[in-house]
Protein backbone atom coordinates (compact mmCIF):
# COMPACT_ATOMS: atom_id res chain seq x y z
CA MET A 1 -49.30 -112.83 -68.51
CA GLN A 2 -45.41 -112.55 -68.86
CA VAL A 3 -42.80 -112.83 -71.60
CA VAL A 4 -41.32 -116.88 -71.07
CA GLY A 5 -39.73 -117.17 -74.21
CA TYR A 6 -38.79 -116.00 -77.90
CA GLU A 7 -37.34 -117.55 -80.69
CA PRO A 8 -34.99 -115.61 -83.31
CA SER A 9 -35.50 -115.37 -86.82
CA PRO A 10 -36.29 -116.69 -89.52
CA ASP A 11 -39.71 -117.53 -87.64
CA ALA A 12 -38.99 -114.56 -84.91
CA ALA A 13 -41.88 -114.38 -82.11
CA VAL A 14 -42.45 -114.30 -78.76
CA VAL A 15 -43.54 -116.76 -76.27
CA LEU A 16 -46.62 -115.67 -73.71
CA ALA A 17 -47.76 -117.16 -70.30
CA ASP A 18 -51.04 -116.82 -68.88
CA GLY A 19 -52.22 -119.53 -65.63
CA GLY A 20 -49.67 -121.53 -67.63
CA ARG A 21 -51.33 -121.67 -70.50
CA LEU A 22 -48.76 -120.65 -73.13
CA GLU A 23 -49.31 -118.32 -76.58
CA ARG A 24 -46.99 -117.84 -79.23
CA VAL A 25 -47.00 -114.43 -81.27
CA GLY A 26 -45.67 -114.25 -84.15
CA LEU A 27 -43.69 -111.02 -85.27
CA ALA A 28 -44.04 -111.29 -88.80
CA PRO A 29 -43.38 -108.03 -90.96
CA GLY A 30 -47.01 -105.71 -90.45
CA THR A 31 -47.90 -107.19 -87.08
CA THR A 32 -49.23 -104.75 -84.84
CA LEU A 33 -48.16 -105.40 -80.76
CA ALA A 34 -49.70 -103.49 -78.61
CA TYR A 35 -48.81 -104.36 -74.57
CA THR A 36 -47.88 -102.30 -72.31
CA LEU A 37 -44.86 -103.48 -70.15
CA GLY A 38 -45.08 -104.04 -66.20
CA GLU A 39 -42.64 -105.92 -63.70
CA ARG A 40 -40.30 -108.36 -64.28
CA HIS A 41 -39.35 -110.94 -62.60
CA CYS A 42 -37.65 -114.60 -63.11
CA ALA A 43 -39.60 -115.94 -66.39
CA GLY A 44 -40.09 -119.30 -65.00
CA THR A 45 -39.89 -122.58 -66.89
CA VAL A 46 -41.41 -124.41 -69.61
CA GLN A 47 -42.56 -127.78 -69.75
CA GLY A 48 -43.94 -128.92 -72.57
CA GLU A 49 -46.51 -126.90 -73.51
CA HIS A 50 -47.15 -126.01 -69.39
CA HIS A 51 -45.33 -122.49 -67.85
CA VAL A 52 -44.61 -123.12 -64.18
CA ALA A 53 -44.23 -119.31 -62.97
CA CYS A 54 -41.22 -117.96 -60.50
CA GLU A 55 -42.04 -114.80 -58.45
CA ARG A 56 -38.09 -114.67 -57.36
CA SER A 57 -37.22 -110.87 -58.72
CA THR A 58 -34.11 -112.06 -60.46
CA ALA A 59 -34.53 -110.90 -63.93
CA PRO A 60 -34.84 -112.82 -66.74
CA TYR A 61 -34.25 -116.14 -64.79
CA CYS A 62 -33.47 -116.77 -61.13
CA SER A 63 -30.53 -118.70 -60.02
CA VAL A 64 -32.94 -122.20 -60.11
CA HIS A 65 -34.17 -121.04 -63.66
CA GLU A 66 -31.45 -120.01 -65.55
CA ARG A 67 -30.89 -122.16 -68.93
CA PRO A 68 -28.05 -123.92 -68.99
CA HIS A 69 -25.42 -123.14 -71.64
CA TYR A 70 -24.58 -125.30 -74.86
CA ASP A 71 -20.98 -127.43 -74.31
CA PRO A 72 -19.97 -128.57 -77.46
CA ALA A 73 -17.07 -130.33 -75.85
CA THR A 74 -19.73 -132.68 -74.68
CA SER A 75 -20.89 -133.11 -78.62
CA ASP A 76 -19.51 -136.13 -80.73
CA GLU A 77 -21.60 -134.72 -83.87
CA GLU A 78 -20.02 -133.16 -86.50
CA HIS A 79 -19.27 -129.54 -86.52
CA ALA A 80 -18.58 -126.32 -88.69
CA VAL A 81 -15.94 -123.88 -87.85
CA TYR A 82 -17.55 -120.51 -89.22
CA LEU A 83 -16.90 -117.01 -90.13
CA ALA A 84 -19.95 -114.09 -89.51
CA ALA A 85 -20.44 -110.39 -90.71
CA PHE A 86 -22.31 -107.94 -89.22
CA ALA A 87 -22.80 -105.06 -90.89
CA PRO A 88 -20.16 -102.55 -91.26
CA HIS A 89 -17.34 -104.68 -90.48
CA LEU A 90 -17.77 -106.83 -87.12
CA PHE A 91 -16.23 -110.61 -88.08
CA LYS A 92 -16.55 -113.06 -85.71
CA VAL A 93 -15.54 -116.52 -85.58
CA GLY A 94 -18.31 -119.51 -84.51
CA ILE A 95 -18.81 -123.15 -84.13
CA THR A 96 -22.20 -124.92 -84.17
CA LYS A 97 -23.67 -128.33 -85.62
CA THR A 98 -22.88 -128.69 -89.10
CA ARG A 99 -26.82 -129.44 -89.82
CA ARG A 100 -27.72 -126.06 -87.91
CA LEU A 101 -25.37 -123.57 -89.53
CA GLU A 102 -27.36 -122.08 -91.74
CA THR A 103 -30.07 -121.46 -88.96
CA ARG A 104 -27.49 -120.59 -86.37
CA LEU A 105 -26.14 -117.68 -88.92
CA ARG A 106 -29.93 -116.16 -89.31
CA GLU A 107 -30.09 -116.71 -84.95
CA GLN A 108 -27.39 -114.40 -84.93
CA GLY A 109 -28.64 -111.84 -87.27
CA ALA A 110 -25.33 -112.42 -89.33
CA ASP A 111 -25.60 -110.63 -92.36
CA ARG A 112 -22.59 -112.73 -94.29
CA GLY A 113 -21.60 -116.23 -93.24
CA ALA A 114 -18.67 -118.65 -94.64
CA HIS A 115 -18.42 -122.13 -93.57
CA VAL A 116 -14.72 -122.59 -93.16
CA TYR A 117 -13.91 -125.93 -91.19
CA THR A 118 -15.58 -129.18 -90.56
CA VAL A 119 -14.54 -131.22 -87.81
CA THR A 120 -15.22 -134.86 -85.96
CA ASP A 121 -16.89 -133.42 -83.22
CA GLY A 122 -17.31 -130.23 -80.73
CA GLU A 123 -14.13 -130.47 -78.47
CA VAL A 124 -11.72 -130.60 -81.99
CA ALA A 125 -14.39 -127.37 -83.27
CA LEU A 126 -13.06 -125.47 -79.70
CA GLN A 127 -9.82 -126.60 -80.60
CA VAL A 128 -10.22 -124.89 -84.20
CA GLU A 129 -12.09 -121.79 -83.00
CA ASP A 130 -9.11 -120.79 -80.83
CA ASP A 131 -6.70 -120.91 -83.45
CA VAL A 132 -8.61 -118.99 -85.82
CA TYR A 133 -9.63 -116.35 -83.00
CA ALA A 134 -5.64 -115.76 -82.88
CA ASP A 135 -6.76 -113.12 -86.39
CA PRO A 136 -6.47 -110.16 -85.02
CA ARG A 137 -9.66 -108.90 -87.43
CA LEU A 138 -11.73 -111.81 -85.73
CA THR A 139 -13.99 -111.80 -82.33
CA GLN A 140 -15.81 -114.88 -80.86
CA TRP A 141 -18.96 -112.67 -79.30
CA VAL A 142 -20.67 -109.73 -81.08
CA GLN A 143 -23.50 -108.01 -78.27
CA VAL A 144 -26.66 -106.82 -79.62
CA SER A 145 -25.62 -103.55 -78.90
CA GLN A 146 -22.56 -103.74 -81.33
CA LYS A 147 -25.33 -105.55 -83.89
CA VAL A 148 -28.00 -102.28 -83.56
CA PRO A 149 -25.54 -99.38 -85.21
CA GLY A 150 -25.21 -101.79 -87.88
CA LEU A 151 -28.68 -102.70 -88.94
CA HIS A 152 -29.33 -99.97 -91.24
CA ARG A 153 -25.62 -100.24 -92.86
CA THR A 154 -24.10 -102.98 -95.21
CA VAL A 155 -21.17 -105.05 -94.81
CA ASP A 156 -17.83 -103.71 -95.44
CA GLU A 157 -17.22 -106.19 -99.08
CA ARG A 158 -14.12 -105.18 -99.29
CA ALA A 159 -12.72 -106.44 -95.73
CA TRP A 160 -14.94 -109.26 -95.74
CA THR A 161 -13.64 -110.58 -98.76
CA ALA A 162 -10.07 -110.06 -97.66
CA LEU A 163 -10.86 -112.17 -94.70
CA LEU A 164 -12.14 -115.25 -96.55
CA ASP A 165 -9.18 -115.08 -99.03
CA ASP A 166 -7.29 -116.26 -96.07
CA PHE A 167 -9.60 -119.57 -95.49
CA THR A 168 -10.95 -122.57 -97.44
CA VAL A 169 -14.90 -121.37 -98.04
CA HIS A 170 -16.80 -124.61 -98.31
CA GLU A 171 -20.05 -122.63 -98.60
CA SER A 172 -21.07 -119.36 -98.04
CA PHE A 173 -24.38 -117.11 -97.08
CA GLY A 174 -26.00 -113.90 -97.28
CA PHE A 175 -28.89 -113.24 -95.68
CA ASP A 176 -31.58 -110.13 -96.19
CA TYR A 177 -34.00 -109.14 -93.51
CA GLY A 178 -35.87 -106.84 -95.25
CA LEU A 179 -35.61 -104.20 -92.76
CA SER A 180 -34.60 -101.73 -95.43
CA LEU A 181 -33.49 -99.15 -92.83
CA THR A 182 -32.25 -95.48 -93.80
CA ASP A 183 -31.22 -94.70 -89.88
CA GLN A 184 -30.29 -96.56 -86.74
CA PRO A 185 -32.88 -97.18 -85.07
CA VAL A 186 -33.48 -95.85 -81.43
CA PRO A 187 -32.68 -99.22 -78.85
CA GLU A 188 -36.00 -99.22 -76.35
CA THR A 189 -37.43 -102.14 -74.66
CA LEU A 190 -40.97 -102.51 -75.52
CA LEU A 191 -43.84 -104.38 -77.26
CA THR A 192 -46.10 -101.53 -79.04
CA GLY A 193 -46.00 -100.52 -82.35
CA THR A 194 -45.87 -102.40 -85.96
CA VAL A 195 -43.23 -104.63 -86.75
CA SER A 196 -40.78 -103.81 -89.52
CA GLY A 197 -38.87 -107.07 -89.27
CA VAL A 198 -36.62 -108.96 -87.09
CA GLN A 199 -33.00 -110.09 -87.45
CA GLY A 200 -31.61 -112.63 -84.89
CA ARG A 201 -33.29 -111.63 -81.97
CA VAL A 202 -33.27 -107.72 -82.48
CA LEU A 203 -37.20 -106.85 -82.92
CA VAL A 204 -37.98 -103.60 -85.05
CA LEU A 205 -40.68 -101.65 -84.44
CA GLU A 206 -42.17 -98.07 -85.99
CA ARG A 207 -44.16 -96.51 -83.71
CA ALA A 208 -45.33 -92.97 -83.78
CA GLY A 209 -42.82 -92.15 -86.56
CA THR A 210 -40.16 -93.62 -84.79
CA VAL A 211 -38.10 -97.10 -85.70
CA TYR A 212 -37.32 -98.64 -81.97
CA ALA A 213 -34.94 -101.73 -81.91
CA VAL A 214 -35.50 -104.37 -78.90
CA ASP A 215 -33.53 -107.04 -78.07
CA LEU A 216 -35.78 -109.45 -77.45
CA ARG A 217 -33.88 -111.07 -75.07
CA ASP A 218 -34.66 -107.87 -73.08
CA LEU A 219 -37.87 -108.54 -72.65
CA LEU A 220 -37.69 -112.23 -71.12
CA GLY A 221 -39.75 -111.81 -67.90
CA TYR A 222 -42.12 -108.88 -67.55
CA GLU A 223 -45.27 -109.03 -66.98
CA LEU A 224 -47.60 -107.50 -70.04
CA THR A 225 -51.03 -105.84 -70.15
CA ASP A 226 -52.64 -105.59 -73.07
CA GLY A 227 -53.16 -101.83 -74.74
CA GLU A 228 -50.51 -99.51 -76.01
CA GLU A 229 -47.51 -98.46 -74.04
CA ASP A 230 -47.78 -95.08 -73.33
CA ARG A 231 -45.16 -93.43 -71.50
CA GLU A 232 -42.85 -91.43 -73.32
CA LEU A 233 -39.90 -92.59 -75.20
CA GLN A 234 -36.81 -91.14 -76.85
CA SER A 235 -37.85 -90.50 -80.62
CA SER A 236 -35.51 -90.76 -83.86
CA LEU A 237 -35.30 -87.04 -83.71
CA GLY A 238 -34.25 -86.34 -80.53
CA ALA A 239 -31.73 -89.55 -80.77
CA TRP A 240 -30.03 -88.13 -83.78
CA GLY A 241 -30.57 -84.78 -84.73
């Protein structure tokens, strides 16, 4: 059994493959997971409802099965240029197809979002994004490692409002992922524990009194066996005490 895919919030899940068959394991709050991670190799490819395995050692994907990246410049569909806030004060500019705007913000785990431009196609969207990125308060990329320290915090509303004051906001968004954290979770790669929730592609698990933050992409390619992980993990007391 191998982790061959994942789905971020709002309907988060991990996709497992066993002998070519696929199984979607939902990550709703309260779900109990009990898997042990084994060796990691290329996650292969999913073709419809069937998985084609790959034994190459490169993970999560080898050069043959690396997923193609979306190129907005090739899309003639209407795009939105948006701003996203990640607590407490990481702000980014991005682009997506207008019809996917709210979904895209949730997939990234944004705490706030604002639609600031609507353009005719992906190529124009890229040009506008680059122009907006000239604002020193903004970035075009926010890594998961930058998001985890803010999972238990709230957005700096003063800074966010000041940023939006410089744009015409067509629609704004606020998201609550239901994590209710009081401290920063411990970054870890595991699939054992009780699901607290998922923010973007960050799975939050509680195990033995410690709350962990797992980047779902870091699970891709791992072979799994049934049963709780028994290796020694860093505890919240050791991490933050």
